Structure formats: structure tokens, C-alpha cells
Amino acid sequence: MNATINVIFYLKRVKTNAKGLTPIFLRITIDGKRLDKSIGKFIDASRWNSESSKMKGTNEEKPFVK
């Protein structure tokens, strides 16, 4: 039996905290059934690329806040 599995990372913008940081979520889909889970990291939404589901930039500053 073959299963279709998709994994993406996305921002949940409605949960932006008081510091203006947005949580990063992980979505795993197996044969149409979804599981969404926070990975426990926050990022400034302007540094997120939605098309590629990853953070923008290459600088060495600490991008994530726990």
C-alpha cells in the first residue's frame, strides 16, 4: 500500500504575539488526513517566504525566538 505524504511549514499569522512575532507551524498530511503542530519557534513575518515555506535571508543574526 502506497501512502501520499506531504510536509510543509507555515506561519499562523492570527497568533502573532505582543512582540510582533509569528509562530511557525508544521503540517503533515497523510492520505488527506492532516496534523498541524507548532514547532515552538517564532519569527518576524516579514522574513518568511510563503512560496517556498522557509525563512528569507542569509545573515547570521539569530532568526528564531523561543
N, C-alpha and C. Protein backbone atom coordinates (compact mmCIF):
# COMPACT_ATOMS: atom_id res chain seq x y z
N MET A 1 0.83 -1.18 0.00
CA MET A 1 0.00 0.00 0.00
C MET A 1 0.88 1.25 0.00
N ASN A 2 0.63 2.15 -0.92
CA ASN A 2 1.37 3.40 -1.00
C ASN A 2 0.59 4.52 -0.35
N ALA A 3 1.26 5.34 0.43
CA ALA A 3 0.62 6.48 1.09
C ALA A 3 1.19 7.76 0.50
N THR A 4 0.34 8.76 0.36
CA THR A 4 0.77 10.08 -0.08
C THR A 4 1.06 10.91 1.16
N ILE A 5 2.29 11.41 1.25
CA ILE A 5 2.70 12.19 2.42
C ILE A 5 3.21 13.55 1.97
N ASN A 6 2.71 14.62 2.58
CA ASN A 6 3.18 15.98 2.32
C ASN A 6 3.55 16.62 3.64
N VAL A 7 4.65 17.40 3.62
CA VAL A 7 5.10 18.11 4.81
C VAL A 7 5.36 19.56 4.42
N ILE A 8 4.75 20.51 5.14
CA ILE A 8 5.02 21.93 4.89
C ILE A 8 5.17 22.66 6.22
N PHE A 9 5.85 23.79 6.17
CA PHE A 9 5.95 24.71 7.29
C PHE A 9 5.19 25.97 6.89
N TYR A 10 4.48 26.58 7.84
CA TYR A 10 3.74 27.80 7.54
C TYR A 10 3.63 28.64 8.80
N LEU A 11 3.31 29.93 8.60
CA LEU A 11 3.10 30.83 9.72
C LEU A 11 1.62 30.91 10.05
N LYS A 12 1.31 30.95 11.32
CA LYS A 12 -0.08 31.12 11.76
C LYS A 12 -0.20 32.58 12.20
N ARG A 13 -0.50 33.44 11.23
CA ARG A 13 -0.47 34.89 11.44
C ARG A 13 -1.49 35.39 12.45
N VAL A 14 -2.57 34.67 12.66
CA VAL A 14 -3.59 35.11 13.63
C VAL A 14 -3.11 34.96 15.07
N LYS A 15 -2.00 34.26 15.28
CA LYS A 15 -1.48 34.05 16.63
C LYS A 15 -0.23 34.89 16.90
N THR A 16 -0.07 36.02 16.22
CA THR A 16 1.07 36.91 16.43
C THR A 16 1.07 37.38 17.89
N ASN A 17 2.24 37.33 18.52
CA ASN A 17 2.31 37.68 19.94
C ASN A 17 2.53 39.19 20.14
N ALA A 18 2.64 39.62 21.39
CA ALA A 18 2.78 41.03 21.73
C ALA A 18 4.07 41.64 21.18
N LYS A 19 5.09 40.82 20.95
CA LYS A 19 6.36 41.31 20.40
C LYS A 19 6.32 41.42 18.88
N GLY A 20 5.19 41.04 18.27
CA GLY A 20 5.06 41.11 16.82
C GLY A 20 5.64 39.91 16.10
N LEU A 21 5.91 38.83 16.82
CA LEU A 21 6.47 37.62 16.22
C LEU A 21 5.37 36.59 15.99
N THR A 22 5.53 35.83 14.92
CA THR A 22 4.51 34.88 14.49
C THR A 22 5.03 33.45 14.66
N PRO A 23 4.21 32.52 15.17
CA PRO A 23 4.66 31.14 15.36
C PRO A 23 4.76 30.38 14.03
N ILE A 24 5.72 29.48 13.95
CA ILE A 24 5.90 28.61 12.80
C ILE A 24 5.23 27.28 13.12
N PHE A 25 4.39 26.81 12.19
CA PHE A 25 3.68 25.55 12.35
C PHE A 25 4.15 24.55 11.31
N LEU A 26 4.01 23.29 11.63
CA LEU A 26 4.33 22.18 10.74
C LEU A 26 3.02 21.49 10.40
N ARG A 27 2.79 21.21 9.11
CA ARG A 27 1.59 20.46 8.71
C ARG A 27 2.05 19.19 7.99
N ILE A 28 1.63 18.05 8.50
CA ILE A 28 1.89 16.76 7.87
C ILE A 28 0.56 16.23 7.38
N THR A 29 0.50 15.87 6.09
CA THR A 29 -0.72 15.32 5.51
C THR A 29 -0.41 13.92 5.00
N ILE A 30 -1.16 12.94 5.46
CA ILE A 30 -1.01 11.55 5.01
C ILE A 30 -2.36 11.09 4.48
N ASP A 31 -2.40 10.82 3.18
CA ASP A 31 -3.63 10.39 2.51
C ASP A 31 -4.83 11.28 2.85
N GLY A 32 -4.62 12.59 2.85
CA GLY A 32 -5.70 13.55 3.08
C GLY A 32 -6.00 13.87 4.52
N LYS A 33 -5.39 13.19 5.47
CA LYS A 33 -5.60 13.48 6.89
C LYS A 33 -4.47 14.37 7.37
N ARG A 34 -4.84 15.49 8.03
CA ARG A 34 -3.86 16.49 8.42
C ARG A 34 -3.54 16.47 9.91
N LEU A 35 -2.29 16.83 10.20
CA LEU A 35 -1.85 17.07 11.56
C LEU A 35 -1.09 18.38 11.56
N ASP A 36 -1.56 19.36 12.35
CA ASP A 36 -0.89 20.65 12.48
C ASP A 36 -0.28 20.73 13.87
N LYS A 37 0.98 21.18 13.92
CA LYS A 37 1.69 21.24 15.20
C LYS A 37 2.63 22.43 15.21
N SER A 38 2.64 23.19 16.29
CA SER A 38 3.59 24.27 16.44
C SER A 38 4.98 23.68 16.68
N ILE A 39 6.00 24.28 16.07
CA ILE A 39 7.36 23.79 16.31
C ILE A 39 8.03 24.54 17.46
N GLY A 40 7.30 25.49 18.05
CA GLY A 40 7.81 26.20 19.22
C GLY A 40 8.76 27.34 18.90
N LYS A 41 8.82 27.76 17.64
CA LYS A 41 9.69 28.86 17.23
C LYS A 41 8.85 30.01 16.70
N PHE A 42 9.32 31.24 16.90
CA PHE A 42 8.63 32.44 16.43
C PHE A 42 9.57 33.22 15.53
N ILE A 43 8.99 33.95 14.56
CA ILE A 43 9.79 34.70 13.60
C ILE A 43 9.02 35.95 13.19
N ASP A 44 9.75 36.98 12.78
CA ASP A 44 9.12 38.17 12.21
C ASP A 44 8.53 37.77 10.86
N ALA A 45 7.24 38.02 10.66
CA ALA A 45 6.53 37.57 9.45
C ALA A 45 7.13 38.15 8.17
N SER A 46 7.80 39.29 8.25
CA SER A 46 8.40 39.88 7.04
C SER A 46 9.60 39.07 6.55
N ARG A 47 10.12 38.18 7.38
CA ARG A 47 11.28 37.36 6.99
C ARG A 47 10.87 35.98 6.48
N TRP A 48 9.58 35.76 6.23
CA TRP A 48 9.07 34.46 5.80
C TRP A 48 8.70 34.48 4.32
N ASN A 49 9.12 33.47 3.56
CA ASN A 49 8.76 33.32 2.16
C ASN A 49 7.68 32.25 2.06
N SER A 50 6.44 32.65 1.79
CA SER A 50 5.31 31.71 1.76
C SER A 50 5.39 30.74 0.58
N GLU A 51 5.94 31.20 -0.54
CA GLU A 51 6.02 30.34 -1.72
C GLU A 51 6.92 29.13 -1.50
N SER A 52 8.04 29.34 -0.81
CA SER A 52 8.97 28.23 -0.59
C SER A 52 8.88 27.67 0.83
N SER A 53 7.99 28.21 1.65
CA SER A 53 7.78 27.76 3.04
C SER A 53 9.07 27.74 3.86
N LYS A 54 9.82 28.84 3.74
CA LYS A 54 11.04 28.95 4.53
C LYS A 54 11.38 30.41 4.80
N MET A 55 12.38 30.63 5.65
CA MET A 55 12.79 31.95 6.04
C MET A 55 13.63 32.60 4.95
N LYS A 56 13.49 33.92 4.79
CA LYS A 56 14.29 34.68 3.84
C LYS A 56 15.59 35.11 4.51
N GLY A 57 16.63 35.30 3.70
CA GLY A 57 17.86 35.90 4.20
C GLY A 57 18.98 34.91 4.45
N THR A 58 20.16 35.48 4.57
CA THR A 58 21.34 34.66 4.81
C THR A 58 22.23 35.23 5.91
N ASN A 59 21.76 36.26 6.61
CA ASN A 59 22.61 36.86 7.63
C ASN A 59 22.72 35.96 8.85
N GLU A 60 23.65 36.29 9.71
CA GLU A 60 23.95 35.44 10.86
C GLU A 60 23.19 35.82 12.12
N GLU A 61 22.33 36.82 12.05
CA GLU A 61 21.59 37.17 13.27
C GLU A 61 20.67 36.02 13.66
N LYS A 62 20.35 35.96 14.92
CA LYS A 62 19.51 34.86 15.42
C LYS A 62 18.08 35.06 14.94
N PRO A 63 17.59 34.22 14.03
CA PRO A 63 16.29 34.46 13.43
C PRO A 63 15.10 34.00 14.26
N PHE A 64 15.29 33.04 15.12
CA PHE A 64 14.17 32.45 15.86
C PHE A 64 14.20 32.88 17.31
N VAL A 65 13.03 33.00 17.88
CA VAL A 65 12.89 33.28 19.29
C VAL A 65 12.03 32.19 19.87
N LYS A 66 12.43 31.67 21.01
CA LYS A 66 11.66 30.60 21.62
C LYS A 66 10.69 31.14 22.62
